[in-house]
Amino acid sequence: MMILQAFLTSLFAAAALFLLTKLMGYRQISQLSGYDYINGITIGSIAAELAFGGFEDFPARCTALLVFAGFTILLSLLTDRSVRLRAWISGKPLILMEKGKLCRENFKKGKMDVHEFLSLCRQQGYFDIAQLDTVYLEPDGRLSCSPRPLYRPATAGDVTQPAAEPLPLEVVTDGVILHQNLKKLGFEEKWLTRQLSEQKAPPPEQIFLALCSEEGQLTVY
C-alpha cells in the first residue's frame, strides 16, 4: 500500500509540475529573476512533499502548490500590462560603465563589487575593460557589453577609423511612450507622432517596440 501511495502521489506531483511550468511560461525554465528562482525552489519543495507525504495532507499541499503557481502567473500578467510594474517587479538594467567610465553608485545598487565585474567581463571575452565603452547589468545578473569602436568586430563598411555608434534607446514599449528617453535624445512627443505618420506606422498605443537613435532614426516593431 505504501509503494502504491508513493507511486500515485509522485505521478500527480510530476504532472502538476509539468503543467504549472507550462502555464508560468518559458522564463521559469530559462532566464530566472530573483523571484522566479525562489518561487521555483518553493514549488519544487512542495511537490516533493506532495510526492512523499501521506494522503491526509494531500489537499493542503495541492492548495499551496496552486497558490504559489497562481501568484506567479498573476505577476506575469501584471508585468505584461504595466511598464512601471514590470520595472519594479522584474528590475531594470543598470549601467555599470558608460563611455569608458565606471558608475560607482550603480555598482552599489546592483550589489556587485569590482572583482565580480572583472570576472564577468572576462567571461564575455574582455580581459581589458579599457576595450569597453558601455556595460549593462541585466536584471538576470548577466552583463551586456558594448566595446569601443576600435575593438568591435570589423565589418565590410569599415575602412580606416571606425565611427562610434551610439546605442538606440527605447521610445515606445508595449504601447507606452517613454518620455524620459525621448527627452534624453532631444525629441518630443509631437516629433514622435510626426515620424510615425511619415512611416505610415500605427499610433503609439498599438506599437510593441520603437527604438530611436541620437540622429533621429526611428525603427518601429
C-alpha atoms as a PDB file:
ATOM      1  CA  MET A   1       0.000   0.000   0.000  1.00  0.00           C
ATOM      2  CA  MET A   2       2.840   2.416   0.843  1.00  0.00           C
ATOM      3  CA  ILE A   3       4.500   1.784  -2.533  1.00  0.00           C
ATOM      4  CA  LEU A   4       1.214   2.350  -4.397  1.00  0.00           C
ATOM      5  CA  GLN A   5       0.604   5.567  -2.438  1.00  0.00           C
ATOM      6  CA  ALA A   6       4.121   6.869  -3.236  1.00  0.00           C
ATOM      7  CA  PHE A   7       3.655   5.942  -6.907  1.00  0.00           C
ATOM      8  CA  LEU A   8       0.309   7.750  -7.251  1.00  0.00           C
ATOM      9  CA  THR A   9       1.354  10.923  -5.371  1.00  0.00           C
ATOM     10  CA  SER A  10       4.685  11.091  -7.255  1.00  0.00           C
ATOM     11  CA  LEU A  11       2.901  10.696 -10.569  1.00  0.00           C
ATOM     12  CA  PHE A  12       0.482  13.502  -9.680  1.00  0.00           C
ATOM     13  CA  ALA A  13       3.332  15.785  -8.459  1.00  0.00           C
ATOM     14  CA  ALA A  14       5.314  15.256 -11.675  1.00  0.00           C
ATOM     15  CA  ALA A  15       2.269  16.000 -13.841  1.00  0.00           C
ATOM     16  CA  ALA A  16       1.383  19.080 -11.755  1.00  0.00           C
ATOM     17  CA  LEU A  17       4.930  20.457 -12.018  1.00  0.00           C
ATOM     18  CA  PHE A  18       4.922  19.964 -15.781  1.00  0.00           C
ATOM     19  CA  LEU A  19       1.564  21.707 -16.282  1.00  0.00           C
ATOM     20  CA  LEU A  20       2.335  24.567 -13.898  1.00  0.00           C
ATOM     21  CA  THR A  21       5.712  25.209 -15.541  1.00  0.00           C
ATOM     22  CA  LYS A  22       3.986  25.396 -18.920  1.00  0.00           C
ATOM     23  CA  LEU A  23       1.433  27.849 -17.529  1.00  0.00           C
ATOM     24  CA  MET A  24       4.128  30.043 -15.936  1.00  0.00           C
ATOM     25  CA  GLY A  25       5.976  30.389 -19.245  1.00  0.00           C
ATOM     26  CA  TYR A  26       9.492  29.862 -20.546  1.00  0.00           C
ATOM     27  CA  ARG A  27      11.113  32.314 -18.111  1.00  0.00           C
ATOM     28  CA  GLN A  28      10.583  29.789 -15.341  1.00  0.00           C
ATOM     29  CA  ILE A  29      12.958  27.384 -17.102  1.00  0.00           C
ATOM     30  CA  SER A  30      15.394  29.799 -18.740  1.00  0.00           C
ATOM     31  CA  GLN A  31      16.211  33.345 -17.597  1.00  0.00           C
ATOM     32  CA  LEU A  32      15.121  33.483 -13.981  1.00  0.00           C
ATOM     33  CA  SER A  33      14.605  36.641 -11.995  1.00  0.00           C
ATOM     34  CA  GLY A  34      15.270  36.569  -8.250  1.00  0.00           C
ATOM     35  CA  TYR A  35      11.590  35.964  -7.501  1.00  0.00           C
ATOM     36  CA  ASP A  36      11.289  33.230 -10.164  1.00  0.00           C
ATOM     37  CA  TYR A  37      14.296  31.460  -8.665  1.00  0.00           C
ATOM     38  CA  ILE A  38      12.900  31.478  -5.113  1.00  0.00           C
ATOM     39  CA  ASN A  39       9.414  30.570  -6.292  1.00  0.00           C
ATOM     40  CA  GLY A  40      10.752  27.682  -8.394  1.00  0.00           C
ATOM     41  CA  ILE A  41      12.564  26.229  -5.382  1.00  0.00           C
ATOM     42  CA  THR A  42       9.449  26.607  -3.209  1.00  0.00           C
ATOM     43  CA  ILE A  43       7.173  24.926  -5.744  1.00  0.00           C
ATOM     44  CA  GLY A  44       9.712  22.109  -6.144  1.00  0.00           C
ATOM     45  CA  SER A  45       9.846  21.595  -2.366  1.00  0.00           C
ATOM     46  CA  ILE A  46       6.048  21.482  -2.100  1.00  0.00           C
ATOM     47  CA  ALA A  47       5.894  19.000  -4.993  1.00  0.00           C
ATOM     48  CA  ALA A  48       8.466  16.782  -3.239  1.00  0.00           C
ATOM     49  CA  GLU A  49       6.400  16.800  -0.036  1.00  0.00           C
ATOM     50  CA  LEU A  50       3.325  16.097  -2.136  1.00  0.00           C
ATOM     51  CA  ALA A  51       5.011  13.052  -3.667  1.00  0.00           C
ATOM     52  CA  PHE A  52       6.240  11.510  -0.405  1.00  0.00           C
ATOM     53  CA  GLY A  53       3.607  12.744   2.051  1.00  0.00           C
ATOM     54  CA  GLY A  54       0.510  10.945   3.136  1.00  0.00           C
ATOM     55  CA  PHE A  55      -2.956  11.192   1.624  1.00  0.00           C
ATOM     56  CA  GLU A  56      -4.208  13.051   4.708  1.00  0.00           C
ATOM     57  CA  ASP A  57      -2.058  16.131   3.856  1.00  0.00           C
ATOM     58  CA  PHE A  58      -2.703  15.882   0.118  1.00  0.00           C
ATOM     59  CA  PRO A  59      -5.393  18.646  -0.205  1.00  0.00           C
ATOM     60  CA  ALA A  60      -3.419  21.209   1.806  1.00  0.00           C
ATOM     61  CA  ARG A  61      -0.235  20.659  -0.204  1.00  0.00           C
ATOM     62  CA  CYS A  62      -2.144  20.833  -3.503  1.00  0.00           C
ATOM     63  CA  THR A  63      -3.629  24.147  -2.369  1.00  0.00           C
ATOM     64  CA  ALA A  64      -0.179  25.533  -1.505  1.00  0.00           C
ATOM     65  CA  LEU A  65       1.153  24.412  -4.894  1.00  0.00           C
ATOM     66  CA  LEU A  66      -1.704  26.135  -6.740  1.00  0.00           C
ATOM     67  CA  VAL A  67      -1.359  29.338  -4.683  1.00  0.00           C
ATOM     68  CA  PHE A  68       2.351  29.742  -5.484  1.00  0.00           C
ATOM     69  CA  ALA A  69       1.816  28.968  -9.172  1.00  0.00           C
ATOM     70  CA  GLY A  70      -1.223  31.262  -9.376  1.00  0.00           C
ATOM     71  CA  PHE A  71       0.676  34.135  -7.745  1.00  0.00           C
ATOM     72  CA  THR A  72       3.493  33.740 -10.278  1.00  0.00           C
ATOM     73  CA  ILE A  73       1.025  33.744 -13.182  1.00  0.00           C
ATOM     74  CA  LEU A  74      -0.689  36.853 -11.744  1.00  0.00           C
ATOM     75  CA  LEU A  75       2.633  38.718 -11.517  1.00  0.00           C
ATOM     76  CA  SER A  76       3.407  37.719 -15.097  1.00  0.00           C
ATOM     77  CA  LEU A  77       0.066  39.144 -16.295  1.00  0.00           C
ATOM     78  CA  LEU A  78       0.600  42.375 -14.340  1.00  0.00           C
ATOM     79  CA  THR A  79       4.107  42.914 -15.731  1.00  0.00           C
ATOM     80  CA  ASP A  80       2.801  42.338 -19.267  1.00  0.00           C
ATOM     81  CA  ARG A  81       0.251  45.139 -18.837  1.00  0.00           C
ATOM     82  CA  SER A  82       2.249  47.754 -16.927  1.00  0.00           C
ATOM     83  CA  VAL A  83       5.704  49.090 -17.765  1.00  0.00           C
ATOM     84  CA  ARG A  84       6.109  50.566 -14.275  1.00  0.00           C
ATOM     85  CA  LEU A  85       5.163  47.324 -12.521  1.00  0.00           C
ATOM     86  CA  ARG A  86       7.490  45.404 -14.840  1.00  0.00           C
ATOM     87  CA  ALA A  87      10.397  47.634 -13.877  1.00  0.00           C
ATOM     88  CA  TRP A  88       9.564  47.277 -10.167  1.00  0.00           C
ATOM     89  CA  ILE A  89       8.962  43.502 -10.163  1.00  0.00           C
ATOM     90  CA  SER A  90      11.445  42.282 -12.782  1.00  0.00           C
ATOM     91  CA  GLY A  91      14.028  45.036 -12.279  1.00  0.00           C
ATOM     92  CA  LYS A  92      15.727  47.399 -14.710  1.00  0.00           C
ATOM     93  CA  PRO A  93      19.164  47.210 -16.333  1.00  0.00           C
ATOM     94  CA  LEU A  94      21.858  49.170 -14.529  1.00  0.00           C
ATOM     95  CA  ILE A  95      24.634  50.998 -16.382  1.00  0.00           C
ATOM     96  CA  LEU A  96      27.916  49.895 -14.786  1.00  0.00           C
ATOM     97  CA  MET A  97      30.115  51.609 -17.374  1.00  0.00           C
ATOM     98  CA  GLU A  98      29.248  54.498 -19.671  1.00  0.00           C
ATOM     99  CA  LYS A  99      31.647  55.967 -22.220  1.00  0.00           C
ATOM    100  CA  GLY A 100      34.527  54.138 -20.581  1.00  0.00           C
ATOM    101  CA  LYS A 101      33.784  55.391 -17.051  1.00  0.00           C
ATOM    102  CA  LEU A 102      32.608  53.167 -14.194  1.00  0.00           C
ATOM    103  CA  CYS A 103      29.371  54.224 -12.485  1.00  0.00           C
ATOM    104  CA  ARG A 104      30.193  53.555  -8.848  1.00  0.00           C
ATOM    105  CA  GLU A 105      26.690  54.246  -7.500  1.00  0.00           C
ATOM    106  CA  ASN A 106      25.174  51.633  -9.809  1.00  0.00           C
ATOM    107  CA  PHE A 107      27.692  49.065  -8.549  1.00  0.00           C
ATOM    108  CA  LYS A 108      26.216  49.628  -5.070  1.00  0.00           C
ATOM    109  CA  LYS A 109      22.643  49.391  -6.372  1.00  0.00           C
ATOM    110  CA  GLY A 110      23.428  46.161  -8.177  1.00  0.00           C
ATOM    111  CA  LYS A 111      25.254  44.678  -5.134  1.00  0.00           C
ATOM    112  CA  MET A 112      28.281  43.980  -7.333  1.00  0.00           C
ATOM    113  CA  ASP A 113      31.943  44.513  -6.477  1.00  0.00           C
ATOM    114  CA  VAL A 114      34.758  45.260  -8.915  1.00  0.00           C
ATOM    115  CA  HIS A 115      36.233  41.745  -8.735  1.00  0.00           C
ATOM    116  CA  GLU A 116      32.945  40.144  -9.762  1.00  0.00           C
ATOM    117  CA  PHE A 117      32.583  42.749 -12.511  1.00  0.00           C
ATOM    118  CA  LEU A 118      36.035  41.942 -13.913  1.00  0.00           C
ATOM    119  CA  SER A 119      35.307  38.216 -13.731  1.00  0.00           C
ATOM    120  CA  LEU A 120      32.060  38.598 -15.691  1.00  0.00           C
ATOM    121  CA  CYS A 121      33.831  40.784 -18.265  1.00  0.00           C
ATOM    122  CA  ARG A 122      36.463  38.062 -18.756  1.00  0.00           C
ATOM    123  CA  GLN A 123      33.646  35.538 -19.297  1.00  0.00           C
ATOM    124  CA  GLN A 124      32.405  37.827 -22.096  1.00  0.00           C
ATOM    125  CA  GLY A 125      35.912  37.748 -23.621  1.00  0.00           C
ATOM    126  CA  TYR A 126      37.108  41.171 -22.417  1.00  0.00           C
ATOM    127  CA  PHE A 127      40.250  40.809 -20.301  1.00  0.00           C
ATOM    128  CA  ASP A 128      40.964  44.543 -20.517  1.00  0.00           C
ATOM    129  CA  ILE A 129      37.992  46.728 -19.576  1.00  0.00           C
ATOM    130  CA  ALA A 130      39.664  49.639 -21.371  1.00  0.00           C
ATOM    131  CA  GLN A 131      38.300  47.977 -24.523  1.00  0.00           C
ATOM    132  CA  LEU A 132      34.732  48.528 -23.331  1.00  0.00           C
ATOM    133  CA  ASP A 133      32.546  51.562 -23.898  1.00  0.00           C
ATOM    134  CA  THR A 134      29.240  50.617 -22.242  1.00  0.00           C
ATOM    135  CA  VAL A 135      28.334  47.778 -19.869  1.00  0.00           C
ATOM    136  CA  TYR A 136      24.849  46.971 -18.576  1.00  0.00           C
ATOM    137  CA  LEU A 137      23.982  44.749 -15.629  1.00  0.00           C
ATOM    138  CA  GLU A 138      20.820  42.964 -16.740  1.00  0.00           C
ATOM    139  CA  PRO A 139      18.035  42.043 -14.265  1.00  0.00           C
ATOM    140  CA  ASP A 140      19.009  38.356 -14.544  1.00  0.00           C
ATOM    141  CA  GLY A 141      22.557  39.147 -13.309  1.00  0.00           C
ATOM    142  CA  ARG A 142      24.365  38.902 -16.650  1.00  0.00           C
ATOM    143  CA  LEU A 143      26.457  41.607 -18.295  1.00  0.00           C
ATOM    144  CA  SER A 144      25.798  43.087 -21.730  1.00  0.00           C
ATOM    145  CA  CYS A 145      28.978  44.638 -23.109  1.00  0.00           C
ATOM    146  CA  SER A 146      29.404  47.132 -25.931  1.00  0.00           C
ATOM    147  CA  PRO A 147      33.103  47.523 -26.924  1.00  0.00           C
ATOM    148  CA  ARG A 148      34.810  50.710 -28.035  1.00  0.00           C
ATOM    149  CA  PRO A 149      34.766  51.285 -31.816  1.00  0.00           C
ATOM    150  CA  LEU A 150      38.411  50.203 -32.224  1.00  0.00           C
ATOM    151  CA  TYR A 151      37.711  46.860 -30.560  1.00  0.00           C
ATOM    152  CA  ARG A 152      34.406  45.909 -32.089  1.00  0.00           C
ATOM    153  CA  PRO A 153      34.355  43.218 -34.802  1.00  0.00           C
ATOM    154  CA  ALA A 154      35.301  44.602 -38.222  1.00  0.00           C
ATOM    155  CA  THR A 155      32.604  44.871 -40.896  1.00  0.00           C
ATOM    156  CA  ALA A 156      32.726  45.368 -44.642  1.00  0.00           C
ATOM    157  CA  GLY A 157      31.835  49.028 -44.120  1.00  0.00           C
ATOM    158  CA  ASP A 158      34.950  49.698 -42.036  1.00  0.00           C
ATOM    159  CA  VAL A 159      37.736  51.379 -43.995  1.00  0.00           C
ATOM    160  CA  THR A 160      40.114  53.091 -41.596  1.00  0.00           C
ATOM    161  CA  GLN A 161      38.885  54.599 -38.366  1.00  0.00           C
ATOM    162  CA  PRO A 162      35.552  53.077 -37.298  1.00  0.00           C
ATOM    163  CA  ALA A 163      32.982  55.604 -36.219  1.00  0.00           C
ATOM    164  CA  ALA A 164      31.296  55.437 -32.840  1.00  0.00           C
ATOM    165  CA  GLU A 165      27.796  54.033 -32.915  1.00  0.00           C
ATOM    166  CA  PRO A 166      25.565  55.333 -30.084  1.00  0.00           C
ATOM    167  CA  LEU A 167      23.118  52.759 -28.792  1.00  0.00           C
ATOM    168  CA  PRO A 168      19.467  53.419 -29.743  1.00  0.00           C
ATOM    169  CA  LEU A 169      17.003  53.995 -26.917  1.00  0.00           C
ATOM    170  CA  GLU A 170      13.505  52.615 -26.444  1.00  0.00           C
ATOM    171  CA  VAL A 171      10.928  55.348 -27.034  1.00  0.00           C
ATOM    172  CA  VAL A 172       7.796  53.147 -27.105  1.00  0.00           C
ATOM    173  CA  THR A 173       7.312  49.894 -25.206  1.00  0.00           C
ATOM    174  CA  ASP A 174       4.055  47.915 -25.189  1.00  0.00           C
ATOM    175  CA  GLY A 175       2.128  50.966 -26.390  1.00  0.00           C
ATOM    176  CA  VAL A 176       3.594  53.310 -23.756  1.00  0.00           C
ATOM    177  CA  ILE A 177       5.684  56.342 -24.778  1.00  0.00           C
ATOM    178  CA  LEU A 178       8.884  56.625 -22.730  1.00  0.00           C
ATOM    179  CA  HIS A 179       9.071  60.396 -22.407  1.00  0.00           C
ATOM    180  CA  GLN A 180      12.293  60.286 -20.386  1.00  0.00           C
ATOM    181  CA  ASN A 181      14.181  58.569 -23.219  1.00  0.00           C
ATOM    182  CA  LEU A 182      12.641  60.920 -25.787  1.00  0.00           C
ATOM    183  CA  LYS A 183      13.830  63.901 -23.762  1.00  0.00           C
ATOM    184  CA  LYS A 184      17.315  62.375 -23.424  1.00  0.00           C
ATOM    185  CA  LEU A 185      17.509  62.162 -27.222  1.00  0.00           C
ATOM    186  CA  GLY A 186      16.301  65.754 -27.561  1.00  0.00           C
ATOM    187  CA  PHE A 187      12.892  64.985 -29.061  1.00  0.00           C
ATOM    188  CA  GLU A 188       9.270  65.455 -28.020  1.00  0.00           C
ATOM    189  CA  GLU A 189       6.045  63.503 -28.386  1.00  0.00           C
ATOM    190  CA  LYS A 190       4.964  65.715 -31.330  1.00  0.00           C
ATOM    191  CA  TRP A 191       8.145  64.760 -33.180  1.00  0.00           C
ATOM    192  CA  LEU A 192       7.484  61.071 -32.485  1.00  0.00           C
ATOM    193  CA  THR A 193       3.903  61.341 -33.747  1.00  0.00           C
ATOM    194  CA  ARG A 194       5.075  63.069 -36.924  1.00  0.00           C
ATOM    195  CA  GLN A 195       7.752  60.437 -37.573  1.00  0.00           C
ATOM    196  CA  LEU A 196       5.247  57.622 -37.106  1.00  0.00           C
ATOM    197  CA  SER A 197       2.876  59.318 -39.524  1.00  0.00           C
ATOM    198  CA  GLU A 198       5.627  59.689 -42.151  1.00  0.00           C
ATOM    199  CA  GLN A 199       6.480  55.992 -41.809  1.00  0.00           C
ATOM    200  CA  LYS A 200       2.760  55.125 -42.032  1.00  0.00           C
ATOM    201  CA  ALA A 201       3.132  53.314 -38.726  1.00  0.00           C
ATOM    202  CA  PRO A 202       0.242  52.755 -36.278  1.00  0.00           C
ATOM    203  CA  PRO A 203      -0.278  55.110 -33.316  1.00  0.00           C
ATOM    204  CA  PRO A 204       1.984  54.599 -30.239  1.00  0.00           C
ATOM    205  CA  GLU A 205      -0.618  52.625 -28.289  1.00  0.00           C
ATOM    206  CA  GLN A 206      -0.518  49.914 -30.990  1.00  0.00           C
ATOM    207  CA  ILE A 207       3.298  49.688 -31.192  1.00  0.00           C
ATOM    208  CA  PHE A 208       5.097  46.830 -29.446  1.00  0.00           C
ATOM    209  CA  LEU A 209       8.575  48.408 -29.594  1.00  0.00           C
ATOM    210  CA  ALA A 210      10.111  51.511 -31.148  1.00  0.00           C
ATOM    211  CA  LEU A 211      13.809  52.404 -30.977  1.00  0.00           C
ATOM    212  CA  CYS A 212      15.374  55.771 -31.795  1.00  0.00           C
ATOM    213  CA  SER A 213      18.997  56.798 -32.351  1.00  0.00           C
ATOM    214  CA  GLU A 214      20.592  60.143 -31.467  1.00  0.00           C
ATOM    215  CA  GLU A 215      20.354  61.081 -35.157  1.00  0.00           C
ATOM    216  CA  GLY A 216      16.571  60.645 -35.059  1.00  0.00           C
ATOM    217  CA  GLN A 217      16.469  57.301 -36.898  1.00  0.00           C
ATOM    218  CA  LEU A 218      13.239  55.669 -35.725  1.00  0.00           C
ATOM    219  CA  THR A 219      12.756  51.901 -36.011  1.00  0.00           C
ATOM    220  CA  VAL A 220       9.285  50.532 -35.303  1.00  0.00           C
ATOM    221  CA  TYR A 221       8.423  46.930 -34.473  1.00  0.00           C
END
